[in-house]
Structures are given as C-alpha cells and as structure tokens.
Amino acid sequence: MKAVRSSQATGVWISASSATILRWDPEGVSVRERIDSTIPGRHRSTGRPPTEDHPAGEGHRDEQIRAFFARIGGIVPTDDDLLLVGDLEVVEQLADEITSQDHAHGTSRRLMVEKGGPKTEPQLLSRIRAFAGSSARRSLPG
C-alpha cells in the first residue's frame, strides 16, 4: 500500500442532517462546502410490524446514508490527511467508509476521528490547522 502525504488537510464536521467540509493548505481555505442530508431520522417503534404501506424504513435510511457519504466522498480529496468531527455513530460510519475506499484503492492517509457537537467554520478550521500541525496566525499588538 502506498502512503500518500500532502501539505493539505481536509476537515469534515458531520451529523445525520448535514456535513461541512473545509480544505486547508498553507495558502488558506480552498474548499468550503456544506451538504444537507436527506437521511430520515430514527423513529421509535409504534409496535406495529412493517407492512407494504408502512415499511420499517431502515433499508431506505441505509441507502440514503450511502448516498450522503458518496456526495461527501466526491468533494474530499483522496490525497489529503483527513479530520472527521461529528456526533453519534455517523462520524464513525463515515470513517469506516473512507478507510475501506482507501484500502480498495491501495492508498492510505492520516485519518483522525473526533466526537463532538456542532462546530462553526472558524472552530472547524482551527481544529484542521492544529491537525495539520500549523499554528494559528497571530497578529502583533499595534
């Protein structure tokens, strides 16, 4: 497996409802993207068994998760180190999907997963910069 290294790092904050993608390099942010998801929420069972008129919905939800991940994968560069931040199991599922794809393509990259609540763009950018090993720009007092 060939290791891929880049001076760029991409960060993704993900939840079941959306993903925010920022790509950072020493020149600044080169990609800013927000993807809204169509994944239906999980609903508590009403006790009624699935029927043709009222399916259980998990298969449909799984397909929408795959489509959501594919949209994210179409934006995230394959040669960037990757920081995934998110809530619940969605961030872990995305990490598993990306790891599987990298393995299938014979590539590897540094991938870090952090669980956490929603992040603003500046908060995500700060995490990406730290992940990439670049300290935040500081201005001198004037």
C-alpha atoms as a PDB file:
ATOM      1  CA  MET A   1       0.000   0.000   0.000  1.00  0.00           C
ATOM      2  CA  LYS A   2       1.455   3.354  -0.934  1.00  0.00           C
ATOM      3  CA  ALA A   3       1.267   6.118   1.624  1.00  0.00           C
ATOM      4  CA  VAL A   4       0.052   9.463   0.398  1.00  0.00           C
ATOM      5  CA  ARG A   5       1.240  12.647   2.070  1.00  0.00           C
ATOM      6  CA  SER A   6       0.115  16.136   1.315  1.00  0.00           C
ATOM      7  CA  SER A   7       0.562  19.619   2.718  1.00  0.00           C
ATOM      8  CA  GLN A   8      -3.222  19.926   2.634  1.00  0.00           C
ATOM      9  CA  ALA A   9      -5.671  18.706   5.241  1.00  0.00           C
ATOM     10  CA  THR A  10      -9.406  18.412   4.955  1.00  0.00           C
ATOM     11  CA  GLY A  11     -11.838  18.551   7.828  1.00  0.00           C
ATOM     12  CA  VAL A  12     -15.419  17.342   7.838  1.00  0.00           C
ATOM     13  CA  TRP A  13     -17.945  18.095  10.541  1.00  0.00           C
ATOM     14  CA  ILE A  14     -20.790  15.636  10.061  1.00  0.00           C
ATOM     15  CA  SER A  15     -24.157  14.828  11.570  1.00  0.00           C
ATOM     16  CA  ALA A  16     -27.090  12.887  10.153  1.00  0.00           C
ATOM     17  CA  SER A  17     -28.539  16.163   8.870  1.00  0.00           C
ATOM     18  CA  SER A  18     -25.533  17.854   7.213  1.00  0.00           C
ATOM     19  CA  ALA A  19     -21.808  17.945   6.587  1.00  0.00           C
ATOM     20  CA  THR A  20     -19.449  20.910   6.455  1.00  0.00           C
ATOM     21  CA  ILE A  21     -16.219  20.370   4.522  1.00  0.00           C
ATOM     22  CA  LEU A  22     -13.187  22.657   4.707  1.00  0.00           C
ATOM     23  CA  ARG A  23      -9.907  22.046   2.882  1.00  0.00           C
ATOM     24  CA  TRP A  24      -6.920  23.879   4.279  1.00  0.00           C
ATOM     25  CA  ASP A  25      -3.418  24.371   2.932  1.00  0.00           C
ATOM     26  CA  PRO A  26      -0.720  26.886   3.879  1.00  0.00           C
ATOM     27  CA  GLU A  27      -2.296  29.429   1.498  1.00  0.00           C
ATOM     28  CA  GLY A  28      -5.672  29.263   3.295  1.00  0.00           C
ATOM     29  CA  VAL A  29      -9.025  27.553   2.791  1.00  0.00           C
ATOM     30  CA  SER A  30      -9.508  26.304  -0.773  1.00  0.00           C
ATOM     31  CA  VAL A  31     -12.780  24.384  -0.395  1.00  0.00           C
ATOM     32  CA  ARG A  32     -15.840  25.364   1.626  1.00  0.00           C
ATOM     33  CA  GLU A  33     -18.818  23.125   1.142  1.00  0.00           C
ATOM     34  CA  ARG A  34     -21.980  22.321   3.050  1.00  0.00           C
ATOM     35  CA  ILE A  35     -24.058  19.305   2.135  1.00  0.00           C
ATOM     36  CA  ASP A  36     -27.526  18.838   3.527  1.00  0.00           C
ATOM     37  CA  SER A  37     -28.613  15.269   4.070  1.00  0.00           C
ATOM     38  CA  THR A  38     -31.905  13.607   3.228  1.00  0.00           C
ATOM     39  CA  ILE A  39     -31.401  10.888   5.841  1.00  0.00           C
ATOM     40  CA  PRO A  40     -34.642  10.351   7.722  1.00  0.00           C
ATOM     41  CA  GLY A  41     -34.475  10.430  11.490  1.00  0.00           C
ATOM     42  CA  ARG A  42     -34.790   7.280  13.522  1.00  0.00           C
ATOM     43  CA  HIS A  43     -38.271   6.869  14.912  1.00  0.00           C
ATOM     44  CA  ARG A  44     -39.353   4.836  17.875  1.00  0.00           C
ATOM     45  CA  SER A  45     -41.329   1.764  17.014  1.00  0.00           C
ATOM     46  CA  THR A  46     -45.072   2.069  17.312  1.00  0.00           C
ATOM     47  CA  GLY A  47     -45.252  -1.646  17.962  1.00  0.00           C
ATOM     48  CA  ARG A  48     -46.816  -2.193  14.566  1.00  0.00           C
ATOM     49  CA  PRO A  49     -44.916  -4.660  12.343  1.00  0.00           C
ATOM     50  CA  PRO A  50     -43.733  -3.374   8.941  1.00  0.00           C
ATOM     51  CA  THR A  51     -46.175  -3.681   6.054  1.00  0.00           C
ATOM     52  CA  GLU A  52     -46.105  -2.631   2.419  1.00  0.00           C
ATOM     53  CA  ASP A  53     -47.876   0.621   3.320  1.00  0.00           C
ATOM     54  CA  HIS A  54     -45.713   1.233   6.405  1.00  0.00           C
ATOM     55  CA  PRO A  55     -42.205  -0.212   5.876  1.00  0.00           C
ATOM     56  CA  ALA A  56     -39.701  -0.297   8.712  1.00  0.00           C
ATOM     57  CA  GLY A  57     -37.543   2.193   6.793  1.00  0.00           C
ATOM     58  CA  GLU A  58     -34.055   1.077   7.884  1.00  0.00           C
ATOM     59  CA  GLY A  59     -33.101  -0.194   4.420  1.00  0.00           C
ATOM     60  CA  HIS A  60     -34.177   3.122   2.928  1.00  0.00           C
ATOM     61  CA  ARG A  61     -32.232   5.021   5.602  1.00  0.00           C
ATOM     62  CA  ASP A  62     -29.095   2.947   4.952  1.00  0.00           C
ATOM     63  CA  GLU A  63     -29.306   3.748   1.233  1.00  0.00           C
ATOM     64  CA  GLN A  64     -29.644   7.463   1.972  1.00  0.00           C
ATOM     65  CA  ILE A  65     -26.617   7.295   4.284  1.00  0.00           C
ATOM     66  CA  ARG A  66     -24.588   5.670   1.466  1.00  0.00           C
ATOM     67  CA  ALA A  67     -25.707   8.401  -0.966  1.00  0.00           C
ATOM     68  CA  PHE A  68     -24.812  11.121   1.592  1.00  0.00           C
ATOM     69  CA  PHE A  69     -21.347   9.602   2.117  1.00  0.00           C
ATOM     70  CA  ALA A  70     -20.848   9.362  -1.669  1.00  0.00           C
ATOM     71  CA  ARG A  71     -21.591  13.097  -2.014  1.00  0.00           C
ATOM     72  CA  ILE A  72     -19.031  13.846   0.706  1.00  0.00           C
ATOM     73  CA  GLY A  73     -16.503  11.486  -0.905  1.00  0.00           C
ATOM     74  CA  GLY A  74     -16.912  13.333  -4.204  1.00  0.00           C
ATOM     75  CA  ILE A  75     -15.650  16.532  -2.566  1.00  0.00           C
ATOM     76  CA  VAL A  76     -12.988  15.270  -0.131  1.00  0.00           C
ATOM     77  CA  PRO A  77      -9.619  14.988  -1.927  1.00  0.00           C
ATOM     78  CA  THR A  78      -8.176  11.475  -1.787  1.00  0.00           C
ATOM     79  CA  ASP A  79      -4.639  12.664  -1.072  1.00  0.00           C
ATOM     80  CA  ASP A  80      -5.362  14.922   1.918  1.00  0.00           C
ATOM     81  CA  ASP A  81      -4.970  13.965   5.531  1.00  0.00           C
ATOM     82  CA  LEU A  82      -8.464  13.880   6.939  1.00  0.00           C
ATOM     83  CA  LEU A  83     -10.008  15.059  10.207  1.00  0.00           C
ATOM     84  CA  LEU A  84     -13.558  13.840  10.816  1.00  0.00           C
ATOM     85  CA  VAL A  85     -15.523  15.510  13.589  1.00  0.00           C
ATOM     86  CA  GLY A  86     -19.101  14.643  14.380  1.00  0.00           C
ATOM     87  CA  ASP A  87     -21.756  13.341  16.605  1.00  0.00           C
ATOM     88  CA  LEU A  88     -23.131   9.883  17.235  1.00  0.00           C
ATOM     89  CA  GLU A  89     -22.292   6.948  15.014  1.00  0.00           C
ATOM     90  CA  VAL A  90     -22.411   8.887  11.722  1.00  0.00           C
ATOM     91  CA  VAL A  91     -18.810  10.089  12.058  1.00  0.00           C
ATOM     92  CA  GLU A  92     -17.613   6.528  12.763  1.00  0.00           C
ATOM     93  CA  GLN A  93     -19.571   5.166   9.792  1.00  0.00           C
ATOM     94  CA  LEU A  94     -18.005   7.794   7.509  1.00  0.00           C
ATOM     95  CA  ALA A  95     -14.525   6.939   8.830  1.00  0.00           C
ATOM     96  CA  ASP A  96     -15.143   3.224   8.142  1.00  0.00           C
ATOM     97  CA  GLU A  97     -16.367   4.022   4.616  1.00  0.00           C
ATOM     98  CA  ILE A  98     -13.336   6.194   3.805  1.00  0.00           C
ATOM     99  CA  THR A  99     -10.910   3.649   5.269  1.00  0.00           C
ATOM    100  CA  SER A 100     -12.497   0.908   3.125  1.00  0.00           C
ATOM    101  CA  GLN A 101     -12.258   3.049  -0.007  1.00  0.00           C
ATOM    102  CA  ASP A 102      -8.618   3.943   0.694  1.00  0.00           C
ATOM    103  CA  HIS A 103      -7.810   0.263   1.214  1.00  0.00           C
ATOM    104  CA  ALA A 104      -9.581  -0.689  -2.036  1.00  0.00           C
ATOM    105  CA  HIS A 105      -7.522   1.924  -3.927  1.00  0.00           C
ATOM    106  CA  GLY A 106      -4.246   0.896  -2.274  1.00  0.00           C
ATOM    107  CA  THR A 107      -3.724   4.257  -0.590  1.00  0.00           C
ATOM    108  CA  SER A 108      -3.506   5.387   2.983  1.00  0.00           C
ATOM    109  CA  ARG A 109      -3.676   8.687   4.722  1.00  0.00           C
ATOM    110  CA  ARG A 110      -3.691  10.004   8.218  1.00  0.00           C
ATOM    111  CA  LEU A 111      -7.277   9.925   9.416  1.00  0.00           C
ATOM    112  CA  MET A 112      -8.430  11.154  12.813  1.00  0.00           C
ATOM    113  CA  VAL A 113     -11.941  10.909  14.267  1.00  0.00           C
ATOM    114  CA  GLU A 114     -13.182  13.226  16.995  1.00  0.00           C
ATOM    115  CA  LYS A 115     -16.629  13.015  18.506  1.00  0.00           C
ATOM    116  CA  GLY A 116     -18.231  16.306  19.334  1.00  0.00           C
ATOM    117  CA  GLY A 117     -21.175  18.581  18.814  1.00  0.00           C
ATOM    118  CA  PRO A 118     -21.694  21.134  16.070  1.00  0.00           C
ATOM    119  CA  LYS A 119     -18.731  23.287  15.073  1.00  0.00           C
ATOM    120  CA  THR A 120     -18.696  26.704  13.453  1.00  0.00           C
ATOM    121  CA  GLU A 121     -16.459  27.161  10.405  1.00  0.00           C
ATOM    122  CA  PRO A 122     -13.806  29.006  12.465  1.00  0.00           C
ATOM    123  CA  GLN A 123     -13.851  26.243  15.103  1.00  0.00           C
ATOM    124  CA  LEU A 124     -13.505  23.540  12.445  1.00  0.00           C
ATOM    125  CA  LEU A 125     -10.750  25.472  10.689  1.00  0.00           C
ATOM    126  CA  SER A 126      -8.869  25.811  13.978  1.00  0.00           C
ATOM    127  CA  ARG A 127      -9.094  22.038  14.527  1.00  0.00           C
ATOM    128  CA  ILE A 128      -7.903  21.358  10.942  1.00  0.00           C
ATOM    129  CA  ARG A 129      -4.918  23.692  11.334  1.00  0.00           C
ATOM    130  CA  ALA A 130      -3.926  22.003  14.603  1.00  0.00           C
ATOM    131  CA  PHE A 131      -4.387  18.576  12.978  1.00  0.00           C
ATOM    132  CA  ALA A 132      -2.164  19.674  10.080  1.00  0.00           C
ATOM    133  CA  GLY A 133       0.495  20.870  12.539  1.00  0.00           C
ATOM    134  CA  SER A 134       0.176  24.553  11.687  1.00  0.00           C
ATOM    135  CA  SER A 135      -0.241  27.036  14.485  1.00  0.00           C
ATOM    136  CA  ALA A 136      -2.878  29.720  14.171  1.00  0.00           C
ATOM    137  CA  ARG A 137      -1.805  33.006  12.665  1.00  0.00           C
ATOM    138  CA  ARG A 138      -1.241  35.628  15.322  1.00  0.00           C
ATOM    139  CA  SER A 139      -1.172  39.351  14.797  1.00  0.00           C
ATOM    140  CA  LEU A 140       1.150  41.618  16.725  1.00  0.00           C
ATOM    141  CA  PRO A 141      -0.403  44.195  19.024  1.00  0.00           C
ATOM    142  CA  GLY A 142      -0.495  47.548  17.256  1.00  0.00           C
END
